[in-house]
Amino acid sequence: MHSPITSIPRGVAAALRTTALTAALIGAAGVAAQQASTAPITTPVTVDLSALPALGAPWREDNPYRGDAQVAEIGRALFNQACARCHGDDGNATHHVGTDLRRLDSYCFAKIKDLAARRHCLRDNDHYFKESVLRGKIRVGVTHMPPWEGVLTQEAVWSLRTFLESRRP
């Protein structure tokens, strides 16, 4: 028969208290972050998008505005209004929770020399970007990025992509 533990050594007791406090804080922060990030997007988009060429109803498979400096500037204004709180001003994600989206195409340019293969890589990244923006990012029940479907138009999404392409490191 085992005897019950009647005392816990001081160092162990302190470690247990610290671990319990840390777990409680992390749990509370995680719940708060999940509640905040699952809230619907209520900030209206106020950037004037009327100068963007209309794209119509079916979604394009690749970025139709690629390389257009005027579209990139509209995308910049939109990015700084809608995306900068997580991905940083002008896409500089340093010290922000979101990923650095300026590097999305880095593999396509650094590793792929064949132009046809590079275009295919960019098209894959266009699809990934579009789906990520529209559907958001939810992992293990936690929303890491809210879905923007129904908030951003096709023109808005592709202007964001064009802006980010203009900011490649």
C-alpha atoms as a PDB file:
ATOM      1  CA  MET A   1       0.000   0.000   0.000  1.00  0.00           C
ATOM      2  CA  HIS A   2       1.322   3.417  -0.947  1.00  0.00           C
ATOM      3  CA  SER A   3       1.404   6.220   1.535  1.00  0.00           C
ATOM      4  CA  PRO A   4      -0.152   9.507   0.438  1.00  0.00           C
ATOM      5  CA  ILE A   5       2.154  12.401  -0.331  1.00  0.00           C
ATOM      6  CA  THR A   6       1.817  14.797   2.540  1.00  0.00           C
ATOM      7  CA  SER A   7       4.171  17.483   1.323  1.00  0.00           C
ATOM      8  CA  ILE A   8       5.522  18.617  -2.003  1.00  0.00           C
ATOM      9  CA  PRO A   9       9.088  19.885  -2.168  1.00  0.00           C
ATOM     10  CA  ARG A  10       9.248  23.690  -2.533  1.00  0.00           C
ATOM     11  CA  GLY A  11      10.788  23.715  -6.014  1.00  0.00           C
ATOM     12  CA  VAL A  12       8.216  21.259  -7.342  1.00  0.00           C
ATOM     13  CA  ALA A  13       5.336  23.221  -5.786  1.00  0.00           C
ATOM     14  CA  ALA A  14       6.592  26.463  -7.371  1.00  0.00           C
ATOM     15  CA  ALA A  15       6.961  24.775 -10.754  1.00  0.00           C
ATOM     16  CA  LEU A  16       3.431  23.374 -10.512  1.00  0.00           C
ATOM     17  CA  ARG A  17       2.002  26.801  -9.623  1.00  0.00           C
ATOM     18  CA  THR A  18       3.874  28.415 -12.532  1.00  0.00           C
ATOM     19  CA  THR A  19       2.736  25.698 -14.931  1.00  0.00           C
ATOM     20  CA  ALA A  20      -0.880  25.986 -13.789  1.00  0.00           C
ATOM     21  CA  LEU A  21      -0.816  29.776 -14.099  1.00  0.00           C
ATOM     22  CA  THR A  22       0.775  29.613 -17.539  1.00  0.00           C
ATOM     23  CA  ALA A  23      -1.784  27.050 -18.715  1.00  0.00           C
ATOM     24  CA  ALA A  24      -4.634  29.186 -17.395  1.00  0.00           C
ATOM     25  CA  LEU A  25      -3.293  32.309 -19.121  1.00  0.00           C
ATOM     26  CA  ILE A  26      -2.675  30.504 -22.398  1.00  0.00           C
ATOM     27  CA  GLY A  27      -6.133  28.941 -22.245  1.00  0.00           C
ATOM     28  CA  ALA A  28      -7.787  32.295 -21.557  1.00  0.00           C
ATOM     29  CA  ALA A  29      -5.789  34.009 -24.299  1.00  0.00           C
ATOM     30  CA  GLY A  30      -6.620  31.235 -26.754  1.00  0.00           C
ATOM     31  CA  VAL A  31     -10.339  31.478 -26.022  1.00  0.00           C
ATOM     32  CA  ALA A  32     -10.222  35.278 -26.323  1.00  0.00           C
ATOM     33  CA  ALA A  33      -8.302  35.073 -29.609  1.00  0.00           C
ATOM     34  CA  GLN A  34     -10.692  32.484 -30.992  1.00  0.00           C
ATOM     35  CA  GLN A  35     -13.734  34.529 -29.990  1.00  0.00           C
ATOM     36  CA  ALA A  36     -12.225  37.684 -31.491  1.00  0.00           C
ATOM     37  CA  SER A  37     -11.212  35.999 -34.738  1.00  0.00           C
ATOM     38  CA  THR A  38     -14.488  34.160 -35.274  1.00  0.00           C
ATOM     39  CA  ALA A  39     -16.464  37.369 -35.001  1.00  0.00           C
ATOM     40  CA  PRO A  40     -17.911  38.357 -38.372  1.00  0.00           C
ATOM     41  CA  ILE A  41     -16.084  41.017 -40.335  1.00  0.00           C
ATOM     42  CA  THR A  42     -17.941  44.213 -39.565  1.00  0.00           C
ATOM     43  CA  THR A  43     -15.483  46.788 -40.869  1.00  0.00           C
ATOM     44  CA  PRO A  44     -16.838  48.059 -44.179  1.00  0.00           C
ATOM     45  CA  VAL A  45     -14.458  48.406 -47.086  1.00  0.00           C
ATOM     46  CA  THR A  46     -14.337  52.135 -47.795  1.00  0.00           C
ATOM     47  CA  VAL A  47     -11.580  52.172 -50.415  1.00  0.00           C
ATOM     48  CA  ASP A  48     -12.889  53.377 -53.779  1.00  0.00           C
ATOM     49  CA  LEU A  49     -12.611  50.405 -56.130  1.00  0.00           C
ATOM     50  CA  SER A  50     -14.487  52.008 -59.040  1.00  0.00           C
ATOM     51  CA  ALA A  51     -11.291  52.521 -61.083  1.00  0.00           C
ATOM     52  CA  LEU A  52     -10.673  48.760 -61.204  1.00  0.00           C
ATOM     53  CA  PRO A  53     -11.604  47.147 -64.522  1.00  0.00           C
ATOM     54  CA  ALA A  54     -14.737  45.020 -64.048  1.00  0.00           C
ATOM     55  CA  LEU A  55     -14.105  41.280 -64.195  1.00  0.00           C
ATOM     56  CA  GLY A  56     -17.620  39.846 -64.315  1.00  0.00           C
ATOM     57  CA  ALA A  57     -19.204  37.027 -62.370  1.00  0.00           C
ATOM     58  CA  PRO A  58     -17.050  33.930 -62.937  1.00  0.00           C
ATOM     59  CA  TRP A  59     -13.880  34.008 -60.867  1.00  0.00           C
ATOM     60  CA  ARG A  60     -10.659  34.155 -62.857  1.00  0.00           C
ATOM     61  CA  GLU A  61      -8.155  31.344 -62.416  1.00  0.00           C
ATOM     62  CA  ASP A  62      -5.171  33.669 -62.399  1.00  0.00           C
ATOM     63  CA  ASN A  63      -4.593  37.313 -61.564  1.00  0.00           C
ATOM     64  CA  PRO A  64      -5.907  39.390 -64.485  1.00  0.00           C
ATOM     65  CA  TYR A  65      -4.337  42.599 -63.106  1.00  0.00           C
ATOM     66  CA  ARG A  66      -0.772  41.274 -62.777  1.00  0.00           C
ATOM     67  CA  GLY A  67       1.766  44.031 -63.344  1.00  0.00           C
ATOM     68  CA  ASP A  68      -0.756  46.921 -63.388  1.00  0.00           C
ATOM     69  CA  ALA A  69       0.718  49.724 -61.221  1.00  0.00           C
ATOM     70  CA  GLN A  70      -2.600  51.617 -60.891  1.00  0.00           C
ATOM     71  CA  VAL A  71      -4.361  48.479 -59.638  1.00  0.00           C
ATOM     72  CA  ALA A  72      -1.464  47.802 -57.257  1.00  0.00           C
ATOM     73  CA  GLU A  73      -1.921  51.254 -55.703  1.00  0.00           C
ATOM     74  CA  ILE A  74      -5.644  50.612 -55.149  1.00  0.00           C
ATOM     75  CA  GLY A  75      -4.731  47.209 -53.726  1.00  0.00           C
ATOM     76  CA  ARG A  76      -2.263  48.900 -51.380  1.00  0.00           C
ATOM     77  CA  ALA A  77      -4.961  51.186 -49.957  1.00  0.00           C
ATOM     78  CA  LEU A  78      -7.298  48.214 -49.553  1.00  0.00           C
ATOM     79  CA  PHE A  79      -4.586  46.061 -47.972  1.00  0.00           C
ATOM     80  CA  ASN A  80      -3.725  48.741 -45.431  1.00  0.00           C
ATOM     81  CA  GLN A  81      -7.398  49.092 -44.520  1.00  0.00           C
ATOM     82  CA  ALA A  82      -8.408  45.434 -44.393  1.00  0.00           C
ATOM     83  CA  CYS A  83      -5.275  43.305 -43.972  1.00  0.00           C
ATOM     84  CA  ALA A  84      -2.567  45.361 -42.247  1.00  0.00           C
ATOM     85  CA  ARG A  85      -3.702  44.657 -38.688  1.00  0.00           C
ATOM     86  CA  CYS A  86      -2.502  41.061 -39.124  1.00  0.00           C
ATOM     87  CA  HIS A  87      -0.122  41.223 -42.103  1.00  0.00           C
ATOM     88  CA  GLY A  88       1.535  44.622 -41.423  1.00  0.00           C
ATOM     89  CA  ASP A  89       1.467  48.008 -43.106  1.00  0.00           C
ATOM     90  CA  ASP A  90       2.229  47.710 -46.810  1.00  0.00           C
ATOM     91  CA  GLY A  91       2.591  43.957 -46.348  1.00  0.00           C
ATOM     92  CA  ASN A  92       5.559  44.095 -43.980  1.00  0.00           C
ATOM     93  CA  ALA A  93       4.537  41.353 -41.537  1.00  0.00           C
ATOM     94  CA  THR A  94       7.506  41.834 -39.188  1.00  0.00           C
ATOM     95  CA  HIS A  95       6.121  41.803 -35.623  1.00  0.00           C
ATOM     96  CA  HIS A  96       2.633  40.845 -36.827  1.00  0.00           C
ATOM     97  CA  VAL A  97       0.698  37.596 -36.407  1.00  0.00           C
ATOM     98  CA  GLY A  98      -0.016  37.082 -40.104  1.00  0.00           C
ATOM     99  CA  THR A  99       2.379  35.630 -42.638  1.00  0.00           C
ATOM    100  CA  ASP A 100       4.538  37.758 -44.911  1.00  0.00           C
ATOM    101  CA  LEU A 101       2.497  37.576 -48.096  1.00  0.00           C
ATOM    102  CA  ARG A 102       5.164  39.406 -50.091  1.00  0.00           C
ATOM    103  CA  ARG A 103       7.076  36.094 -50.160  1.00  0.00           C
ATOM    104  CA  LEU A 104       4.222  34.023 -51.602  1.00  0.00           C
ATOM    105  CA  ASP A 105       5.860  33.745 -55.011  1.00  0.00           C
ATOM    106  CA  SER A 106       9.485  33.508 -53.895  1.00  0.00           C
ATOM    107  CA  TYR A 107       9.808  29.829 -54.859  1.00  0.00           C
ATOM    108  CA  CYS A 108       8.420  30.505 -58.344  1.00  0.00           C
ATOM    109  CA  PHE A 109      11.133  33.081 -59.036  1.00  0.00           C
ATOM    110  CA  ALA A 110      14.054  31.649 -57.087  1.00  0.00           C
ATOM    111  CA  LYS A 111      13.829  28.026 -58.161  1.00  0.00           C
ATOM    112  CA  ILE A 112      11.930  27.840 -61.448  1.00  0.00           C
ATOM    113  CA  LYS A 113      13.781  29.012 -64.550  1.00  0.00           C
ATOM    114  CA  ASP A 114      11.418  27.652 -67.216  1.00  0.00           C
ATOM    115  CA  LEU A 115       8.912  30.442 -68.010  1.00  0.00           C
ATOM    116  CA  ALA A 116       5.973  28.108 -68.667  1.00  0.00           C
ATOM    117  CA  ALA A 117       6.583  26.294 -65.383  1.00  0.00           C
ATOM    118  CA  ARG A 118       6.901  29.647 -63.580  1.00  0.00           C
ATOM    119  CA  ARG A 119       3.541  30.798 -65.000  1.00  0.00           C
ATOM    120  CA  HIS A 120       2.013  27.550 -63.742  1.00  0.00           C
ATOM    121  CA  CYS A 121       3.548  28.143 -60.295  1.00  0.00           C
ATOM    122  CA  LEU A 122       2.117  31.681 -60.193  1.00  0.00           C
ATOM    123  CA  ARG A 123      -1.288  30.365 -61.244  1.00  0.00           C
ATOM    124  CA  ASP A 124      -1.187  27.825 -58.388  1.00  0.00           C
ATOM    125  CA  ASN A 125      -0.305  30.648 -55.998  1.00  0.00           C
ATOM    126  CA  ASP A 126      -3.138  32.775 -57.401  1.00  0.00           C
ATOM    127  CA  HIS A 127      -5.561  29.943 -56.631  1.00  0.00           C
ATOM    128  CA  TYR A 128      -4.120  29.496 -53.130  1.00  0.00           C
ATOM    129  CA  PHE A 129      -4.336  33.240 -52.437  1.00  0.00           C
ATOM    130  CA  LYS A 130      -7.922  33.542 -53.728  1.00  0.00           C
ATOM    131  CA  GLU A 131      -9.134  30.541 -51.734  1.00  0.00           C
ATOM    132  CA  SER A 132      -7.324  31.686 -48.574  1.00  0.00           C
ATOM    133  CA  VAL A 133      -8.874  35.149 -48.746  1.00  0.00           C
ATOM    134  CA  LEU A 134     -12.366  33.917 -49.555  1.00  0.00           C
ATOM    135  CA  ARG A 135     -12.505  30.929 -47.187  1.00  0.00           C
ATOM    136  CA  GLY A 136     -10.148  32.139 -44.454  1.00  0.00           C
ATOM    137  CA  LYS A 137      -7.861  29.881 -42.450  1.00  0.00           C
ATOM    138  CA  ILE A 138      -9.346  27.644 -39.776  1.00  0.00           C
ATOM    139  CA  ARG A 139      -7.122  25.083 -38.075  1.00  0.00           C
ATOM    140  CA  VAL A 140      -8.255  22.755 -35.275  1.00  0.00           C
ATOM    141  CA  GLY A 141     -11.393  24.844 -34.830  1.00  0.00           C
ATOM    142  CA  VAL A 142      -9.469  28.116 -34.414  1.00  0.00           C
ATOM    143  CA  THR A 143      -9.906  30.868 -36.986  1.00  0.00           C
ATOM    144  CA  HIS A 144      -6.482  32.205 -37.888  1.00  0.00           C
ATOM    145  CA  MET A 145      -7.861  34.364 -40.699  1.00  0.00           C
ATOM    146  CA  PRO A 146     -11.500  35.281 -41.191  1.00  0.00           C
ATOM    147  CA  PRO A 147     -13.200  34.470 -44.487  1.00  0.00           C
ATOM    148  CA  TRP A 148     -13.736  37.517 -46.705  1.00  0.00           C
ATOM    149  CA  GLU A 149     -16.217  35.900 -49.088  1.00  0.00           C
ATOM    150  CA  GLY A 150     -19.210  38.187 -49.503  1.00  0.00           C
ATOM    151  CA  VAL A 151     -17.170  41.160 -48.251  1.00  0.00           C
ATOM    152  CA  LEU A 152     -14.522  41.507 -50.979  1.00  0.00           C
ATOM    153  CA  THR A 153     -15.327  41.389 -54.685  1.00  0.00           C
ATOM    154  CA  GLN A 154     -13.246  39.551 -57.251  1.00  0.00           C
ATOM    155  CA  GLU A 155     -11.769  42.897 -58.290  1.00  0.00           C
ATOM    156  CA  ALA A 156     -10.790  43.643 -54.683  1.00  0.00           C
ATOM    157  CA  VAL A 157      -9.126  40.246 -54.157  1.00  0.00           C
ATOM    158  CA  TRP A 158      -7.095  40.481 -57.362  1.00  0.00           C
ATOM    159  CA  SER A 159      -6.087  44.076 -56.563  1.00  0.00           C
ATOM    160  CA  LEU A 160      -4.731  42.830 -53.221  1.00  0.00           C
ATOM    161  CA  ARG A 161      -2.775  40.118 -55.015  1.00  0.00           C
ATOM    162  CA  THR A 162      -1.430  42.666 -57.519  1.00  0.00           C
ATOM    163  CA  PHE A 163      -0.287  44.933 -54.680  1.00  0.00           C
ATOM    164  CA  LEU A 164       1.490  42.064 -52.917  1.00  0.00           C
ATOM    165  CA  GLU A 165       3.191  41.033 -56.158  1.00  0.00           C
ATOM    166  CA  SER A 166       4.472  44.605 -56.509  1.00  0.00           C
ATOM    167  CA  ARG A 167       6.058  44.271 -53.017  1.00  0.00           C
ATOM    168  CA  ARG A 168       8.088  41.118 -53.652  1.00  0.00           C
ATOM    169  CA  PRO A 169      11.392  41.300 -51.797  1.00  0.00           C
END
